[in-house]
Amino acid sequence: MNMRKLRLSRRSITTAAALVGVLSLAIGAHAALNMRALDAAKAIATEQSGDAVKQAPRLALVIGNGHYPDAGAPLTQPINDARALTAALRRNGFDVDVVEDASRDDMDRAVDRLKAKIRSDSVVMLYFGGYGVQVGRESYMIPVDAAIWKEADVRRDGLSIEAVLDVMKERGARAKLVVIDASRRNPYERRFRAFSHGLAPINAPDNALILSSATPGKVADDSSGQYSVLMAELLNNLNAQAQGAEAVFNKTRVAISRASEGEQVPSVSSSLLEDVSFGAREEKAGG
């Protein structure tokens, strides 16, 4: 009996040891799988984090106003320009909010939408095509529902370009790009006591680049083409090989000045502290 019990005891011990070994292998394999899954998740998170750094949000608000009740005839080019620019920017990775024939409420809501998207690493662009009016030392983008009979109405119904730049600055945008194609003859000028011609110089905050269709105080006449002179040349440069925004704006200015033999000289104002690319996907320096 004792020998039989001893043999059973040894079998039990051997069986138990085998079970423990199998269980240990199973636990080890499960742990290894968990570690691999964790490492894979970390790798994906790191890759996504790196992409987030390299792919800083690029935002654009594009406004094209053409149908003004007080103007002699509709402006066809601003809406064509807005659509073409929107397509070009989207190809280059911009998140574009485009508004056509915008009322003041439409413009305010569009600026609010832009404001909500801006982060500290954002590149933000504003385009406005339509009528612009200067009052004092400030220039205003005019909505299509503006009721303007005196200069004070411009301040009430218009949207200050510098006010939109202030929104970008307050939200901490990394770079601010502005294109204003609104140096047209003021349709309300006959109602004003004071002479108002062209746009006022636009004060650029830190790290901003501003392109306007004419020198401050000058008027640019519309061409007969599908796009304005400014937009046609800007699109040519945007569609060229990836290059910095400052180069794009300056090449546009020089080309228009030469083509018009000095009759139309766009204005470029820069306080950029770093280059901003219009390429399909911009990467931060060192990325």
C-alpha atoms as a PDB file:
ATOM      1  CA  MET A   1       0.000   0.000   0.000  1.00  0.00           C
ATOM      2  CA  ASN A   2       2.699   2.402   0.871  1.00  0.00           C
ATOM      3  CA  MET A   3       4.468   1.833  -2.454  1.00  0.00           C
ATOM      4  CA  ARG A   4       1.228   2.361  -4.374  1.00  0.00           C
ATOM      5  CA  LYS A   5       0.544   5.558  -2.453  1.00  0.00           C
ATOM      6  CA  LEU A   6       4.055   6.684  -3.110  1.00  0.00           C
ATOM      7  CA  ARG A   7       3.689   6.068  -6.860  1.00  0.00           C
ATOM      8  CA  LEU A   8       0.351   7.955  -6.882  1.00  0.00           C
ATOM      9  CA  SER A   9       1.895  10.803  -4.966  1.00  0.00           C
ATOM     10  CA  ARG A  10       4.768  11.031  -7.468  1.00  0.00           C
ATOM     11  CA  ARG A  11       2.310  10.978 -10.389  1.00  0.00           C
ATOM     12  CA  SER A  12       0.284  13.742  -8.737  1.00  0.00           C
ATOM     13  CA  ILE A  13       3.373  15.834  -8.222  1.00  0.00           C
ATOM     14  CA  THR A  14       4.502  15.273 -11.825  1.00  0.00           C
ATOM     15  CA  THR A  15       1.047  16.104 -13.168  1.00  0.00           C
ATOM     16  CA  ALA A  16       0.814  19.210 -11.021  1.00  0.00           C
ATOM     17  CA  ALA A  17       4.257  20.332 -12.119  1.00  0.00           C
ATOM     18  CA  ALA A  18       3.287  19.863 -15.769  1.00  0.00           C
ATOM     19  CA  LEU A  19       0.107  21.850 -15.241  1.00  0.00           C
ATOM     20  CA  VAL A  20       2.054  24.607 -13.543  1.00  0.00           C
ATOM     21  CA  GLY A  21       4.481  24.652 -16.462  1.00  0.00           C
ATOM     22  CA  VAL A  22       1.690  24.874 -19.031  1.00  0.00           C
ATOM     23  CA  LEU A  23      -0.023  27.607 -17.020  1.00  0.00           C
ATOM     24  CA  SER A  24       3.227  29.562 -16.744  1.00  0.00           C
ATOM     25  CA  LEU A  25       3.749  29.332 -20.501  1.00  0.00           C
ATOM     26  CA  ALA A  26       0.208  30.533 -21.109  1.00  0.00           C
ATOM     27  CA  ILE A  27       0.607  33.459 -18.723  1.00  0.00           C
ATOM     28  CA  GLY A  28       3.960  34.347 -20.297  1.00  0.00           C
ATOM     29  CA  ALA A  29       2.536  34.225 -23.812  1.00  0.00           C
ATOM     30  CA  HIS A  30      -0.435  36.392 -22.781  1.00  0.00           C
ATOM     31  CA  ALA A  31       1.878  38.903 -21.149  1.00  0.00           C
ATOM     32  CA  ALA A  32       4.060  38.989 -24.257  1.00  0.00           C
ATOM     33  CA  LEU A  33       1.041  39.612 -26.442  1.00  0.00           C
ATOM     34  CA  ASN A  34      -0.090  42.396 -24.140  1.00  0.00           C
ATOM     35  CA  MET A  35       3.368  43.975 -24.254  1.00  0.00           C
ATOM     36  CA  ARG A  36       3.407  43.780 -28.050  1.00  0.00           C
ATOM     37  CA  ALA A  37      -0.040  45.367 -28.230  1.00  0.00           C
ATOM     38  CA  LEU A  38       1.057  48.095 -25.805  1.00  0.00           C
ATOM     39  CA  ASP A  39       4.237  48.752 -27.784  1.00  0.00           C
ATOM     40  CA  ALA A  40       2.230  48.929 -31.019  1.00  0.00           C
ATOM     41  CA  ALA A  41      -0.244  51.359 -29.460  1.00  0.00           C
ATOM     42  CA  LYS A  42       2.637  53.524 -28.209  1.00  0.00           C
ATOM     43  CA  ALA A  43       4.245  53.479 -31.657  1.00  0.00           C
ATOM     44  CA  ILE A  44       0.988  54.546 -33.316  1.00  0.00           C
ATOM     45  CA  ALA A  45       0.441  57.283 -30.727  1.00  0.00           C
ATOM     46  CA  THR A  46       4.005  58.530 -31.211  1.00  0.00           C
ATOM     47  CA  GLU A  47       3.593  58.532 -34.997  1.00  0.00           C
ATOM     48  CA  GLN A  48       0.296  60.392 -34.741  1.00  0.00           C
ATOM     49  CA  SER A  49       1.829  62.865 -32.311  1.00  0.00           C
ATOM     50  CA  GLY A  50       4.712  63.439 -34.736  1.00  0.00           C
ATOM     51  CA  ASP A  51       2.263  63.952 -37.585  1.00  0.00           C
ATOM     52  CA  ALA A  52       0.320  66.435 -35.467  1.00  0.00           C
ATOM     53  CA  VAL A  53       3.514  68.437 -34.960  1.00  0.00           C
ATOM     54  CA  LYS A  54       4.448  68.306 -38.633  1.00  0.00           C
ATOM     55  CA  GLN A  55       0.915  68.896 -39.842  1.00  0.00           C
ATOM     56  CA  ALA A  56      -0.029  72.044 -37.977  1.00  0.00           C
ATOM     57  CA  PRO A  57      -3.542  73.180 -38.856  1.00  0.00           C
ATOM     58  CA  ARG A  58      -3.708  75.544 -41.818  1.00  0.00           C
ATOM     59  CA  LEU A  59      -6.912  77.523 -41.895  1.00  0.00           C
ATOM     60  CA  ALA A  60      -8.380  80.002 -44.375  1.00  0.00           C
ATOM     61  CA  LEU A  61     -11.410  82.262 -44.413  1.00  0.00           C
ATOM     62  CA  VAL A  62     -12.273  83.220 -48.006  1.00  0.00           C
ATOM     63  CA  ILE A  63     -14.920  85.897 -48.640  1.00  0.00           C
ATOM     64  CA  GLY A  64     -16.062  86.925 -52.126  1.00  0.00           C
ATOM     65  CA  ASN A  65     -18.680  89.700 -52.331  1.00  0.00           C
ATOM     66  CA  GLY A  66     -20.078  90.738 -55.694  1.00  0.00           C
ATOM     67  CA  HIS A  67     -23.746  91.742 -55.503  1.00  0.00           C
ATOM     68  CA  TYR A  68     -23.928  95.153 -53.856  1.00  0.00           C
ATOM     69  CA  PRO A  69     -27.316  96.912 -54.215  1.00  0.00           C
ATOM     70  CA  ASP A  70     -25.671 100.365 -54.173  1.00  0.00           C
ATOM     71  CA  ALA A  71     -23.111  99.550 -56.864  1.00  0.00           C
ATOM     72  CA  GLY A  72     -23.806 100.266 -60.513  1.00  0.00           C
ATOM     73  CA  ALA A  73     -23.372  96.624 -61.568  1.00  0.00           C
ATOM     74  CA  PRO A  74     -22.486  93.338 -59.847  1.00  0.00           C
ATOM     75  CA  LEU A  75     -18.830  92.456 -59.427  1.00  0.00           C
ATOM     76  CA  THR A  76     -18.282  89.082 -61.077  1.00  0.00           C
ATOM     77  CA  GLN A  77     -14.603  88.644 -60.315  1.00  0.00           C
ATOM     78  CA  PRO A  78     -14.630  88.433 -56.484  1.00  0.00           C
ATOM     79  CA  ILE A  79     -16.804  85.317 -56.460  1.00  0.00           C
ATOM     80  CA  ASN A  80     -14.790  83.687 -59.261  1.00  0.00           C
ATOM     81  CA  ASP A  81     -11.624  84.601 -57.372  1.00  0.00           C
ATOM     82  CA  ALA A  82     -12.943  83.189 -54.093  1.00  0.00           C
ATOM     83  CA  ARG A  83     -13.851  79.863 -55.699  1.00  0.00           C
ATOM     84  CA  ALA A  84     -10.536  79.498 -57.514  1.00  0.00           C
ATOM     85  CA  LEU A  85      -8.514  80.422 -54.428  1.00  0.00           C
ATOM     86  CA  THR A  86     -10.537  78.005 -52.295  1.00  0.00           C
ATOM     87  CA  ALA A  87      -9.736  75.145 -54.679  1.00  0.00           C
ATOM     88  CA  ALA A  88      -6.024  76.032 -54.737  1.00  0.00           C
ATOM     89  CA  LEU A  89      -5.770  76.287 -50.950  1.00  0.00           C
ATOM     90  CA  ARG A  90      -7.601  73.015 -50.389  1.00  0.00           C
ATOM     91  CA  ARG A  91      -5.190  71.269 -52.741  1.00  0.00           C
ATOM     92  CA  ASN A  92      -2.415  72.608 -50.536  1.00  0.00           C
ATOM     93  CA  GLY A  93      -3.916  71.240 -47.332  1.00  0.00           C
ATOM     94  CA  PHE A  94      -5.841  74.249 -46.023  1.00  0.00           C
ATOM     95  CA  ASP A  95      -9.134  73.903 -44.165  1.00  0.00           C
ATOM     96  CA  VAL A  96     -11.109  76.574 -46.046  1.00  0.00           C
ATOM     97  CA  ASP A  97     -14.358  78.264 -45.022  1.00  0.00           C
ATOM     98  CA  VAL A  98     -15.686  80.103 -48.098  1.00  0.00           C
ATOM     99  CA  VAL A  99     -18.511  82.655 -47.977  1.00  0.00           C
ATOM    100  CA  GLU A 100     -20.065  84.342 -51.018  1.00  0.00           C
ATOM    101  CA  ASP A 101     -22.113  87.570 -51.088  1.00  0.00           C
ATOM    102  CA  ALA A 102     -21.812  87.771 -47.319  1.00  0.00           C
ATOM    103  CA  SER A 103     -23.949  89.985 -45.131  1.00  0.00           C
ATOM    104  CA  ARG A 104     -22.406  91.499 -41.991  1.00  0.00           C
ATOM    105  CA  ASP A 105     -23.927  88.674 -39.934  1.00  0.00           C
ATOM    106  CA  ASP A 106     -22.455  86.129 -42.363  1.00  0.00           C
ATOM    107  CA  MET A 107     -19.021  87.698 -42.000  1.00  0.00           C
ATOM    108  CA  ASP A 108     -19.233  87.864 -38.206  1.00  0.00           C
ATOM    109  CA  ARG A 109     -20.247  84.202 -37.986  1.00  0.00           C
ATOM    110  CA  ALA A 110     -17.447  83.200 -40.358  1.00  0.00           C
ATOM    111  CA  VAL A 111     -14.890  85.020 -38.201  1.00  0.00           C
ATOM    112  CA  ASP A 112     -16.299  83.283 -35.114  1.00  0.00           C
ATOM    113  CA  ARG A 113     -15.940  79.893 -36.825  1.00  0.00           C
ATOM    114  CA  LEU A 114     -12.357  80.728 -37.739  1.00  0.00           C
ATOM    115  CA  LYS A 115     -11.618  81.892 -34.201  1.00  0.00           C
ATOM    116  CA  ALA A 116     -12.852  78.594 -32.754  1.00  0.00           C
ATOM    117  CA  LYS A 117     -10.420  76.602 -34.940  1.00  0.00           C
ATOM    118  CA  ILE A 118      -7.236  78.609 -34.370  1.00  0.00           C
ATOM    119  CA  ARG A 119      -4.513  76.989 -32.266  1.00  0.00           C
ATOM    120  CA  SER A 120      -1.137  78.302 -31.222  1.00  0.00           C
ATOM    121  CA  ASP A 121       0.574  76.446 -34.096  1.00  0.00           C
ATOM    122  CA  SER A 122      -1.967  77.424 -36.779  1.00  0.00           C
ATOM    123  CA  VAL A 123      -1.184  79.161 -40.045  1.00  0.00           C
ATOM    124  CA  VAL A 124      -4.238  81.322 -40.750  1.00  0.00           C
ATOM    125  CA  MET A 125      -5.179  83.097 -43.979  1.00  0.00           C
ATOM    126  CA  LEU A 126      -7.847  85.713 -44.729  1.00  0.00           C
ATOM    127  CA  TYR A 127      -8.927  86.583 -48.261  1.00  0.00           C
ATOM    128  CA  PHE A 128     -11.476  89.261 -49.078  1.00  0.00           C
ATOM    129  CA  GLY A 129     -12.611  90.291 -52.554  1.00  0.00           C
ATOM    130  CA  GLY A 130     -15.227  92.990 -53.024  1.00  0.00           C
ATOM    131  CA  TYR A 131     -15.485  96.622 -51.973  1.00  0.00           C
ATOM    132  CA  GLY A 132     -13.203  98.015 -49.323  1.00  0.00           C
ATOM    133  CA  VAL A 133     -13.457 101.476 -47.809  1.00  0.00           C
ATOM    134  CA  GLN A 134     -11.034 103.372 -45.625  1.00  0.00           C
ATOM    135  CA  VAL A 135     -12.237 105.642 -42.878  1.00  0.00           C
ATOM    136  CA  GLY A 136      -9.567 107.566 -41.066  1.00  0.00           C
ATOM    137  CA  ARG A 137      -6.558 105.259 -40.857  1.00  0.00           C
ATOM    138  CA  GLU A 138      -8.482 102.000 -40.959  1.00  0.00           C
ATOM    139  CA  SER A 139      -9.760  99.871 -43.839  1.00  0.00           C
ATOM    140  CA  TYR A 140     -13.066  98.000 -43.791  1.00  0.00           C
ATOM    141  CA  MET A 141     -14.396  95.043 -45.772  1.00  0.00           C
ATOM    142  CA  ILE A 142     -17.910  95.904 -46.921  1.00  0.00           C
ATOM    143  CA  PRO A 143     -20.708  93.299 -46.662  1.00  0.00           C
ATOM    144  CA  VAL A 144     -23.380  93.191 -49.353  1.00  0.00           C
ATOM    145  CA  ASP A 145     -26.130  94.400 -46.996  1.00  0.00           C
ATOM    146  CA  ALA A 146     -24.285  97.519 -45.836  1.00  0.00           C
ATOM    147  CA  ALA A 147     -26.410 100.690 -45.713  1.00  0.00           C
ATOM    148  CA  ILE A 148     -23.790 103.393 -46.103  1.00  0.00           C
ATOM    149  CA  TRP A 149     -24.653 107.067 -46.340  1.00  0.00           C
ATOM    150  CA  LYS A 150     -21.838 108.583 -44.307  1.00  0.00           C
ATOM    151  CA  GLU A 151     -18.440 107.546 -43.009  1.00  0.00           C
ATOM    152  CA  ALA A 152     -19.825 106.535 -39.614  1.00  0.00           C
ATOM    153  CA  ASP A 153     -21.920 103.873 -41.385  1.00  0.00           C
ATOM    154  CA  VAL A 154     -18.738 102.239 -42.668  1.00  0.00           C
ATOM    155  CA  ARG A 155     -17.561 101.704 -39.086  1.00  0.00           C
ATOM    156  CA  ARG A 156     -20.987 100.356 -38.122  1.00  0.00           C
ATOM    157  CA  ASP A 157     -21.655  98.039 -41.096  1.00  0.00           C
ATOM    158  CA  GLY A 158     -18.155  97.241 -42.330  1.00  0.00           C
ATOM    159  CA  LEU A 159     -15.742  94.711 -40.852  1.00  0.00           C
ATOM    160  CA  SER A 160     -12.303  96.046 -40.018  1.00  0.00           C
ATOM    161  CA  ILE A 161      -9.424  94.103 -41.559  1.00  0.00           C
ATOM    162  CA  GLU A 162      -7.286  94.876 -38.541  1.00  0.00           C
ATOM    163  CA  ALA A 163     -10.028  93.577 -36.227  1.00  0.00           C
ATOM    164  CA  VAL A 164      -9.781  90.147 -37.919  1.00  0.00           C
ATOM    165  CA  LEU A 165      -5.998  90.271 -37.602  1.00  0.00           C
ATOM    166  CA  ASP A 166      -6.466  91.030 -33.902  1.00  0.00           C
ATOM    167  CA  VAL A 167      -8.585  87.869 -33.569  1.00  0.00           C
ATOM    168  CA  MET A 168      -5.768  85.818 -35.120  1.00  0.00           C
ATOM    169  CA  LYS A 169      -3.252  87.445 -32.796  1.00  0.00           C
ATOM    170  CA  GLU A 170      -5.368  86.961 -29.668  1.00  0.00           C
ATOM    171  CA  ARG A 171      -5.807  83.272 -30.463  1.00  0.00           C
ATOM    172  CA  GLY A 172      -2.045  82.926 -30.835  1.00  0.00           C
ATOM    173  CA  ALA A 173      -1.872  81.956 -34.524  1.00  0.00           C
ATOM    174  CA  ARG A 174       1.689  81.078 -35.490  1.00  0.00           C
ATOM    175  CA  ALA A 175       1.497  82.957 -38.816  1.00  0.00           C
ATOM    176  CA  LYS A 176      -1.117  85.274 -40.328  1.00  0.00           C
ATOM    177  CA  LEU A 177      -1.587  85.673 -44.089  1.00  0.00           C
ATOM    178  CA  VAL A 178      -3.932  88.263 -45.598  1.00  0.00           C
ATOM    179  CA  VAL A 179      -4.921  88.943 -49.211  1.00  0.00           C
ATOM    180  CA  ILE A 180      -7.189  91.936 -49.783  1.00  0.00           C
ATOM    181  CA  ASP A 181      -8.475  92.505 -53.324  1.00  0.00           C
ATOM    182  CA  ALA A 182     -10.740  95.455 -52.560  1.00  0.00           C
ATOM    183  CA  SER A 183      -8.963  98.596 -53.792  1.00  0.00           C
ATOM    184  CA  ARG A 184     -11.865  99.427 -56.107  1.00  0.00           C
ATOM    185  CA  ARG A 185     -13.454 102.808 -56.600  1.00  0.00           C
ATOM    186  CA  ASN A 186     -15.661 103.473 -53.594  1.00  0.00           C
ATOM    187  CA  PRO A 187     -19.334 103.240 -54.719  1.00  0.00           C
ATOM    188  CA  TYR A 188     -20.390 105.365 -51.715  1.00  0.00           C
ATOM    189  CA  GLU A 189     -17.816 108.100 -52.249  1.00  0.00           C
ATOM    190  CA  ARG A 190     -20.286 110.656 -53.609  1.00  0.00           C
ATOM    191  CA  ARG A 191     -22.127 110.504 -50.257  1.00  0.00           C
ATOM    192  CA  PHE A 192     -19.062 111.323 -48.161  1.00  0.00           C
ATOM    193  CA  ARG A 193     -17.943 114.799 -47.222  1.00  0.00           C
ATOM    194  CA  ALA A 194     -14.291 113.787 -47.136  1.00  0.00           C
ATOM    195  CA  PHE A 195     -12.299 112.302 -49.996  1.00  0.00           C
ATOM    196  CA  SER A 196     -11.914 108.510 -49.666  1.00  0.00           C
ATOM    197  CA  HIS A 197      -9.727 106.763 -52.203  1.00  0.00           C
ATOM    198  CA  GLY A 198      -8.311 103.241 -52.061  1.00  0.00           C
ATOM    199  CA  LEU A 199      -7.414 101.596 -48.787  1.00  0.00           C
ATOM    200  CA  ALA A 200      -5.395 102.725 -45.804  1.00  0.00           C
ATOM    201  CA  PRO A 201      -2.123 100.985 -44.900  1.00  0.00           C
ATOM    202  CA  ILE A 202      -2.872  97.841 -42.895  1.00  0.00           C
ATOM    203  CA  ASN A 203      -0.890  97.514 -39.694  1.00  0.00           C
ATOM    204  CA  ALA A 204       0.651  94.054 -39.591  1.00  0.00           C
ATOM    205  CA  PRO A 205       0.924  92.374 -36.182  1.00  0.00           C
ATOM    206  CA  ASP A 206       3.870  90.117 -35.391  1.00  0.00           C
ATOM    207  CA  ASN A 207       4.470  87.282 -37.860  1.00  0.00           C
ATOM    208  CA  ALA A 208       2.023  88.501 -40.493  1.00  0.00           C
ATOM    209  CA  LEU A 209       2.163  88.872 -44.272  1.00  0.00           C
ATOM    210  CA  ILE A 210      -0.311  91.101 -46.101  1.00  0.00           C
ATOM    211  CA  LEU A 211      -0.925  91.464 -49.838  1.00  0.00           C
ATOM    212  CA  SER A 212      -3.246  94.181 -51.130  1.00  0.00           C
ATOM    213  CA  SER A 213      -4.196  94.749 -54.754  1.00  0.00           C
ATOM    214  CA  ALA A 214      -2.924  98.346 -54.849  1.00  0.00           C
ATOM    215  CA  THR A 215      -0.686 100.781 -53.057  1.00  0.00           C
ATOM    216  CA  PRO A 216      -2.463 102.480 -50.110  1.00  0.00           C
ATOM    217  CA  GLY A 217      -4.607 105.338 -51.353  1.00  0.00           C
ATOM    218  CA  LYS A 218      -4.673 104.020 -54.933  1.00  0.00           C
ATOM    219  CA  VAL A 219      -7.487 102.383 -56.913  1.00  0.00           C
ATOM    220  CA  ALA A 220      -7.131  99.261 -59.074  1.00  0.00           C
ATOM    221  CA  ASP A 221      -9.557  98.996 -61.980  1.00  0.00           C
ATOM    222  CA  ASP A 222     -11.138  95.615 -62.719  1.00  0.00           C
ATOM    223  CA  SER A 223      -9.938  93.759 -65.792  1.00  0.00           C
ATOM    224  CA  SER A 224     -12.224  92.053 -68.285  1.00  0.00           C
ATOM    225  CA  GLY A 225     -10.979  88.570 -67.421  1.00  0.00           C
ATOM    226  CA  GLN A 226     -12.561  85.787 -65.415  1.00  0.00           C
ATOM    227  CA  TYR A 227     -10.333  86.632 -62.451  1.00  0.00           C
ATOM    228  CA  SER A 228      -8.986  89.877 -61.114  1.00  0.00           C
ATOM    229  CA  VAL A 229      -5.442  90.827 -62.099  1.00  0.00           C
ATOM    230  CA  LEU A 230      -4.273  90.133 -58.558  1.00  0.00           C
ATOM    231  CA  MET A 231      -5.918  86.722 -58.308  1.00  0.00           C
ATOM    232  CA  ALA A 232      -4.832  85.558 -61.766  1.00  0.00           C
ATOM    233  CA  GLU A 233      -1.182  86.202 -60.923  1.00  0.00           C
ATOM    234  CA  LEU A 234      -1.513  84.889 -57.356  1.00  0.00           C
ATOM    235  CA  LEU A 235      -2.952  81.607 -58.654  1.00  0.00           C
ATOM    236  CA  ASN A 236      -0.073  81.277 -61.134  1.00  0.00           C
ATOM    237  CA  ASN A 237       2.416  81.532 -58.295  1.00  0.00           C
ATOM    238  CA  LEU A 238       0.445  79.277 -55.952  1.00  0.00           C
ATOM    239  CA  ASN A 239       0.298  76.577 -58.618  1.00  0.00           C
ATOM    240  CA  ALA A 240       4.042  76.717 -59.184  1.00  0.00           C
ATOM    241  CA  GLN A 241       6.435  74.521 -57.199  1.00  0.00           C
ATOM    242  CA  ALA A 242       6.085  74.751 -53.427  1.00  0.00           C
ATOM    243  CA  GLN A 243       7.580  78.017 -52.234  1.00  0.00           C
ATOM    244  CA  GLY A 244       7.373  80.386 -49.309  1.00  0.00           C
ATOM    245  CA  ALA A 245       4.382  82.681 -48.911  1.00  0.00           C
ATOM    246  CA  GLU A 246       6.565  85.776 -48.947  1.00  0.00           C
ATOM    247  CA  ALA A 247       8.065  84.745 -52.287  1.00  0.00           C
ATOM    248  CA  VAL A 248       4.577  84.052 -53.697  1.00  0.00           C
ATOM    249  CA  PHE A 249       3.285  87.472 -52.642  1.00  0.00           C
ATOM    250  CA  ASN A 250       6.371  89.363 -53.837  1.00  0.00           C
ATOM    251  CA  LYS A 251       6.417  87.599 -57.213  1.00  0.00           C
ATOM    252  CA  THR A 252       2.738  88.491 -57.615  1.00  0.00           C
ATOM    253  CA  ARG A 253       3.447  92.148 -56.829  1.00  0.00           C
ATOM    254  CA  VAL A 254       6.384  92.379 -59.234  1.00  0.00           C
ATOM    255  CA  ALA A 255       4.572  90.622 -62.098  1.00  0.00           C
ATOM    256  CA  ILE A 256       1.513  92.894 -61.854  1.00  0.00           C
ATOM    257  CA  SER A 257       3.633  96.030 -61.574  1.00  0.00           C
ATOM    258  CA  ARG A 258       5.586  95.109 -64.703  1.00  0.00           C
ATOM    259  CA  ALA A 259       2.553  93.980 -66.703  1.00  0.00           C
ATOM    260  CA  SER A 260       0.694  97.222 -65.934  1.00  0.00           C
ATOM    261  CA  GLU A 261       3.802  99.366 -66.497  1.00  0.00           C
ATOM    262  CA  GLY A 262       3.428 100.737 -62.990  1.00  0.00           C
ATOM    263  CA  GLU A 263      -0.264 101.574 -63.283  1.00  0.00           C
ATOM    264  CA  GLN A 264      -1.129  98.974 -60.625  1.00  0.00           C
ATOM    265  CA  VAL A 265       1.396  98.262 -57.900  1.00  0.00           C
ATOM    266  CA  PRO A 266       0.194  95.819 -55.252  1.00  0.00           C
ATOM    267  CA  SER A 267       1.333  96.350 -51.690  1.00  0.00           C
ATOM    268  CA  VAL A 268       3.153  93.710 -49.624  1.00  0.00           C
ATOM    269  CA  SER A 269       3.720  94.198 -45.917  1.00  0.00           C
ATOM    270  CA  SER A 270       5.620  91.597 -43.911  1.00  0.00           C
ATOM    271  CA  SER A 271       6.534  91.019 -40.296  1.00  0.00           C
ATOM    272  CA  LEU A 272       7.105  87.271 -40.755  1.00  0.00           C
ATOM    273  CA  LEU A 273       9.576  85.763 -38.334  1.00  0.00           C
ATOM    274  CA  GLU A 274       9.724  82.451 -40.237  1.00  0.00           C
ATOM    275  CA  ASP A 275       8.920  81.301 -43.735  1.00  0.00           C
ATOM    276  CA  VAL A 276       5.490  79.803 -44.407  1.00  0.00           C
ATOM    277  CA  SER A 277       5.122  77.333 -47.246  1.00  0.00           C
ATOM    278  CA  PHE A 278       2.146  77.025 -49.570  1.00  0.00           C
ATOM    279  CA  GLY A 279       3.217  73.448 -50.378  1.00  0.00           C
ATOM    280  CA  ALA A 280       0.826  70.504 -50.151  1.00  0.00           C
ATOM    281  CA  ARG A 281       1.914  69.882 -46.573  1.00  0.00           C
ATOM    282  CA  GLU A 282       4.068  72.166 -44.519  1.00  0.00           C
ATOM    283  CA  GLU A 283       6.497  70.825 -41.946  1.00  0.00           C
ATOM    284  CA  LYS A 284       7.812  72.773 -39.022  1.00  0.00           C
ATOM    285  CA  ALA A 285      11.491  73.444 -38.925  1.00  0.00           C
ATOM    286  CA  GLY A 286      13.280  70.479 -37.446  1.00  0.00           C
ATOM    287  CA  GLY A 287      10.322  68.163 -38.167  1.00  0.00           C
END
